[in-house]
């Protein structure tokens, strides 16, 4: 069972003010390819999994932004760590129709 939920907003500094959307799309692709459960929201993406796996994933995302040409990256994250288990469905099930 997953022990963490992490929401991330990744903000790469792009060359000459270029659009960040292709960078963000690449970051989401990295999350998708990880196999972890995730949901994309307008301002952030929430990932469900083991905390150490998610932190390693965030590191890969940041490295990918630099490899793509970003000079630096801001990653704003929120973390719920709950050793007894954490899931998006558990926290939001009463709001789902």
N, C-alpha and C. Protein backbone atom coordinates (compact mmCIF):
# COMPACT_ATOMS: atom_id res chain seq x y z
N UNK A 1 0.84 -1.19 0.00
CA UNK A 1 0.00 0.00 0.00
C UNK A 1 0.88 1.25 0.00
N UNK A 2 0.45 2.24 -0.71
CA UNK A 2 1.18 3.51 -0.78
C UNK A 2 1.16 4.21 0.57
N UNK A 3 2.27 4.89 0.86
CA UNK A 3 2.33 5.61 2.14
C UNK A 3 2.35 7.12 1.97
N UNK A 4 2.23 7.60 0.71
CA UNK A 4 2.36 9.03 0.49
C UNK A 4 1.54 9.53 -0.69
N UNK A 5 1.12 10.77 -0.56
CA UNK A 5 0.58 11.54 -1.66
C UNK A 5 1.46 12.77 -1.78
N UNK A 6 1.91 13.05 -2.99
CA UNK A 6 2.75 14.23 -3.22
C UNK A 6 2.17 14.99 -4.40
N UNK A 7 1.88 16.26 -4.18
CA UNK A 7 1.46 17.13 -5.28
C UNK A 7 2.65 17.97 -5.68
N UNK A 8 2.86 18.10 -7.00
CA UNK A 8 3.99 18.85 -7.50
C UNK A 8 3.55 19.81 -8.60
N UNK A 9 4.10 21.00 -8.52
CA UNK A 9 4.01 21.97 -9.61
C UNK A 9 5.45 22.24 -10.01
N UNK A 10 5.79 21.90 -11.24
CA UNK A 10 7.17 22.07 -11.71
C UNK A 10 7.21 23.31 -12.60
N UNK A 11 8.18 24.19 -12.32
CA UNK A 11 8.28 25.46 -13.04
C UNK A 11 9.71 25.61 -13.57
N UNK A 12 9.93 25.19 -14.80
CA UNK A 12 11.27 25.32 -15.38
C UNK A 12 11.50 26.73 -15.91
N UNK A 13 12.72 27.22 -15.77
CA UNK A 13 13.09 28.49 -16.39
C UNK A 13 13.47 28.15 -17.83
N UNK A 14 12.74 28.70 -18.77
CA UNK A 14 12.96 28.36 -20.17
C UNK A 14 13.86 29.38 -20.86
N UNK A 15 14.42 28.94 -21.98
CA UNK A 15 15.29 29.81 -22.79
C UNK A 15 14.47 30.91 -23.44
N UNK A 16 14.89 32.14 -23.28
CA UNK A 16 14.27 33.28 -23.96
C UNK A 16 12.75 33.34 -23.77
N UNK A 17 12.26 32.95 -22.59
CA UNK A 17 10.83 33.02 -22.31
C UNK A 17 9.98 32.07 -23.11
N UNK A 18 10.57 30.99 -23.59
CA UNK A 18 9.82 30.01 -24.39
C UNK A 18 8.72 29.38 -23.54
N UNK A 19 7.68 28.91 -24.19
CA UNK A 19 6.52 28.31 -23.53
C UNK A 19 6.94 27.13 -22.64
N UNK A 20 6.40 27.07 -21.43
CA UNK A 20 6.75 25.99 -20.51
C UNK A 20 5.93 24.73 -20.73
N UNK A 21 4.83 24.82 -21.47
CA UNK A 21 3.94 23.66 -21.61
C UNK A 21 4.65 22.41 -22.14
N UNK A 22 5.51 22.49 -23.16
CA UNK A 22 6.21 21.27 -23.58
C UNK A 22 7.08 20.67 -22.47
N UNK A 23 7.64 21.51 -21.62
CA UNK A 23 8.43 21.03 -20.48
C UNK A 23 7.52 20.30 -19.49
N UNK A 24 6.39 20.93 -19.17
CA UNK A 24 5.44 20.32 -18.23
C UNK A 24 4.90 19.01 -18.80
N UNK A 25 4.62 18.99 -20.10
CA UNK A 25 4.16 17.74 -20.73
C UNK A 25 5.20 16.64 -20.57
N UNK A 26 6.47 16.99 -20.71
CA UNK A 26 7.53 15.99 -20.53
C UNK A 26 7.58 15.50 -19.08
N UNK A 27 7.43 16.42 -18.13
CA UNK A 27 7.43 16.02 -16.71
C UNK A 27 6.27 15.07 -16.43
N UNK A 28 5.10 15.35 -16.98
CA UNK A 28 3.94 14.47 -16.78
C UNK A 28 4.18 13.12 -17.45
N UNK A 29 4.84 13.12 -18.58
CA UNK A 29 5.18 11.87 -19.25
C UNK A 29 6.10 11.01 -18.38
N UNK A 30 7.03 11.64 -17.70
CA UNK A 30 7.93 10.92 -16.80
C UNK A 30 7.13 10.30 -15.66
N UNK A 31 6.18 11.04 -15.13
CA UNK A 31 5.31 10.50 -14.07
C UNK A 31 4.53 9.31 -14.62
N UNK A 32 3.93 9.48 -15.79
CA UNK A 32 3.14 8.42 -16.41
C UNK A 32 3.97 7.14 -16.59
N UNK A 33 5.18 7.31 -17.09
CA UNK A 33 6.06 6.16 -17.34
C UNK A 33 6.56 5.49 -16.07
N UNK A 34 6.41 6.16 -14.92
CA UNK A 34 6.85 5.57 -13.66
C UNK A 34 5.96 4.42 -13.21
N UNK A 35 4.73 4.40 -13.71
CA UNK A 35 3.79 3.37 -13.28
C UNK A 35 3.05 3.71 -12.01
N UNK A 36 3.40 4.82 -11.37
CA UNK A 36 2.71 5.22 -10.15
C UNK A 36 1.34 5.81 -10.49
N UNK A 37 0.42 5.73 -9.55
CA UNK A 37 -0.90 6.34 -9.71
C UNK A 37 -0.75 7.84 -9.61
N UNK A 38 -1.43 8.57 -10.51
CA UNK A 38 -1.33 10.03 -10.48
C UNK A 38 -2.58 10.65 -11.08
N UNK A 39 -2.81 11.91 -10.77
CA UNK A 39 -3.88 12.70 -11.36
C UNK A 39 -3.33 14.06 -11.72
N UNK A 40 -3.62 14.49 -12.94
CA UNK A 40 -3.21 15.82 -13.40
C UNK A 40 -4.34 16.80 -13.10
N UNK A 41 -3.99 17.90 -12.48
CA UNK A 41 -4.92 18.97 -12.17
C UNK A 41 -4.42 20.24 -12.85
N UNK A 42 -5.23 21.29 -12.92
CA UNK A 42 -4.82 22.49 -13.65
C UNK A 42 -3.51 23.12 -13.17
N UNK A 43 -3.23 23.09 -11.88
CA UNK A 43 -2.05 23.78 -11.36
C UNK A 43 -1.00 22.87 -10.76
N UNK A 44 -1.29 21.56 -10.68
CA UNK A 44 -0.34 20.62 -10.09
C UNK A 44 -0.76 19.21 -10.45
N UNK A 45 0.14 18.28 -10.22
CA UNK A 45 -0.14 16.86 -10.42
C UNK A 45 0.09 16.16 -9.09
N UNK A 46 -0.84 15.27 -8.72
CA UNK A 46 -0.73 14.52 -7.47
C UNK A 46 -0.33 13.09 -7.80
N UNK A 47 0.69 12.61 -7.07
CA UNK A 47 1.24 11.28 -7.27
C UNK A 47 1.03 10.47 -6.00
N UNK A 48 0.67 9.21 -6.15
CA UNK A 48 0.45 8.31 -5.03
C UNK A 48 1.50 7.21 -5.08
N UNK A 49 2.17 6.95 -3.96
CA UNK A 49 3.17 5.89 -3.94
C UNK A 49 4.01 5.93 -2.68
N UNK A 50 5.13 5.25 -2.74
CA UNK A 50 6.09 5.23 -1.65
C UNK A 50 6.89 6.54 -1.68
N UNK A 51 7.07 7.17 -0.55
CA UNK A 51 7.71 8.49 -0.49
C UNK A 51 9.08 8.49 -1.17
N UNK A 52 9.90 7.49 -0.93
CA UNK A 52 11.23 7.47 -1.53
C UNK A 52 11.15 7.33 -3.06
N UNK A 53 10.19 6.55 -3.56
CA UNK A 53 9.99 6.43 -5.01
C UNK A 53 9.58 7.77 -5.62
N UNK A 54 8.69 8.46 -4.94
CA UNK A 54 8.20 9.73 -5.46
C UNK A 54 9.31 10.78 -5.46
N UNK A 55 10.11 10.83 -4.39
CA UNK A 55 11.22 11.79 -4.36
C UNK A 55 12.23 11.49 -5.46
N UNK A 56 12.49 10.22 -5.73
CA UNK A 56 13.40 9.86 -6.83
C UNK A 56 12.79 10.29 -8.17
N UNK A 57 11.50 10.15 -8.31
CA UNK A 57 10.80 10.57 -9.52
C UNK A 57 10.91 12.08 -9.71
N UNK A 58 10.74 12.84 -8.64
CA UNK A 58 10.87 14.30 -8.71
C UNK A 58 12.29 14.68 -9.13
N UNK A 59 13.26 13.97 -8.63
CA UNK A 59 14.65 14.22 -9.04
C UNK A 59 14.81 13.98 -10.54
N UNK A 60 14.25 12.88 -11.06
CA UNK A 60 14.32 12.60 -12.50
C UNK A 60 13.64 13.69 -13.32
N UNK A 61 12.50 14.17 -12.83
CA UNK A 61 11.77 15.23 -13.54
C UNK A 61 12.61 16.50 -13.61
N UNK A 62 13.23 16.88 -12.51
CA UNK A 62 14.07 18.08 -12.49
C UNK A 62 15.27 17.93 -13.43
N UNK A 63 15.91 16.76 -13.40
CA UNK A 63 17.05 16.51 -14.29
C UNK A 63 16.63 16.61 -15.75
N UNK A 64 15.44 16.10 -16.07
CA UNK A 64 14.95 16.13 -17.45
C UNK A 64 14.73 17.57 -17.92
N UNK A 65 14.29 18.44 -17.02
CA UNK A 65 14.08 19.84 -17.39
C UNK A 65 15.41 20.50 -17.74
N UNK A 66 16.45 20.17 -16.98
CA UNK A 66 17.78 20.73 -17.25
C UNK A 66 18.31 20.17 -18.57
N UNK A 67 18.15 18.86 -18.79
CA UNK A 67 18.59 18.25 -20.04
C UNK A 67 17.89 18.86 -21.25
N UNK A 68 16.67 19.30 -21.06
CA UNK A 68 15.89 19.91 -22.14
C UNK A 68 16.33 21.35 -22.42
N UNK A 69 17.12 21.93 -21.51
CA UNK A 69 17.63 23.27 -21.76
C UNK A 69 17.27 24.30 -20.72
N UNK A 70 16.52 23.91 -19.71
CA UNK A 70 16.19 24.84 -18.64
C UNK A 70 17.44 25.11 -17.79
N UNK A 71 17.63 26.37 -17.40
CA UNK A 71 18.81 26.68 -16.58
C UNK A 71 18.58 26.35 -15.11
N UNK A 72 17.32 26.37 -14.68
CA UNK A 72 16.98 25.97 -13.32
C UNK A 72 15.51 25.60 -13.26
N UNK A 73 15.12 24.97 -12.16
CA UNK A 73 13.76 24.47 -12.02
C UNK A 73 13.29 24.73 -10.59
N UNK A 74 12.08 25.23 -10.46
CA UNK A 74 11.44 25.33 -9.14
C UNK A 74 10.41 24.20 -9.09
N UNK A 75 10.46 23.40 -8.05
CA UNK A 75 9.46 22.35 -7.83
C UNK A 75 8.76 22.65 -6.52
N UNK A 76 7.52 23.04 -6.62
CA UNK A 76 6.72 23.28 -5.43
C UNK A 76 5.99 21.99 -5.12
N UNK A 77 6.21 21.46 -3.91
CA UNK A 77 5.60 20.19 -3.56
C UNK A 77 4.86 20.27 -2.23
N UNK A 78 3.82 19.44 -2.15
CA UNK A 78 3.09 19.22 -0.90
C UNK A 78 3.13 17.73 -0.65
N UNK A 79 3.39 17.35 0.58
CA UNK A 79 3.57 15.94 0.90
C UNK A 79 2.64 15.51 2.04
N UNK A 80 1.92 14.42 1.80
CA UNK A 80 1.21 13.72 2.87
C UNK A 80 1.93 12.40 3.04
N UNK A 81 2.55 12.21 4.20
CA UNK A 81 3.21 10.94 4.52
C UNK A 81 2.41 10.29 5.63
N UNK A 82 1.91 9.09 5.36
CA UNK A 82 1.06 8.38 6.31
C UNK A 82 1.43 6.90 6.26
N UNK A 83 2.30 6.46 7.17
CA UNK A 83 2.80 5.08 7.11
C UNK A 83 1.72 4.01 7.09
N UNK A 84 0.54 4.31 7.61
CA UNK A 84 -0.53 3.31 7.61
C UNK A 84 -1.23 3.21 6.26
N UNK A 85 -0.86 4.09 5.33
CA UNK A 85 -1.43 4.05 3.98
C UNK A 85 -2.10 5.36 3.62
N UNK A 86 -1.93 5.75 2.37
CA UNK A 86 -2.53 6.98 1.86
C UNK A 86 -2.97 6.75 0.42
N UNK A 87 -4.16 7.23 0.10
CA UNK A 87 -4.63 7.12 -1.28
C UNK A 87 -5.50 8.32 -1.63
N UNK A 88 -5.45 8.70 -2.90
CA UNK A 88 -6.28 9.81 -3.37
C UNK A 88 -7.75 9.45 -3.21
N UNK A 89 -8.11 8.22 -3.56
CA UNK A 89 -9.52 7.81 -3.46
C UNK A 89 -10.02 7.91 -2.03
N UNK A 90 -9.21 7.50 -1.09
CA UNK A 90 -9.60 7.53 0.32
C UNK A 90 -9.91 8.96 0.76
N UNK A 91 -9.10 9.92 0.31
CA UNK A 91 -9.28 11.30 0.74
C UNK A 91 -10.39 12.03 -0.01
N UNK A 92 -10.74 11.56 -1.21
CA UNK A 92 -11.69 12.31 -2.03
C UNK A 92 -12.96 11.55 -2.37
N UNK A 93 -13.12 10.32 -1.88
CA UNK A 93 -14.25 9.50 -2.30
C UNK A 93 -15.61 10.15 -2.02
N UNK A 94 -15.75 10.91 -0.95
CA UNK A 94 -17.06 11.51 -0.65
C UNK A 94 -17.42 12.63 -1.62
N UNK A 95 -16.42 13.11 -2.40
CA UNK A 95 -16.68 14.18 -3.36
C UNK A 95 -16.93 13.67 -4.76
N UNK A 96 -16.70 12.40 -4.99
CA UNK A 96 -16.86 11.83 -6.33
C UNK A 96 -18.31 11.42 -6.56
N UNK A 97 -18.83 11.77 -7.72
CA UNK A 97 -20.23 11.55 -8.03
C UNK A 97 -20.60 10.23 -8.56
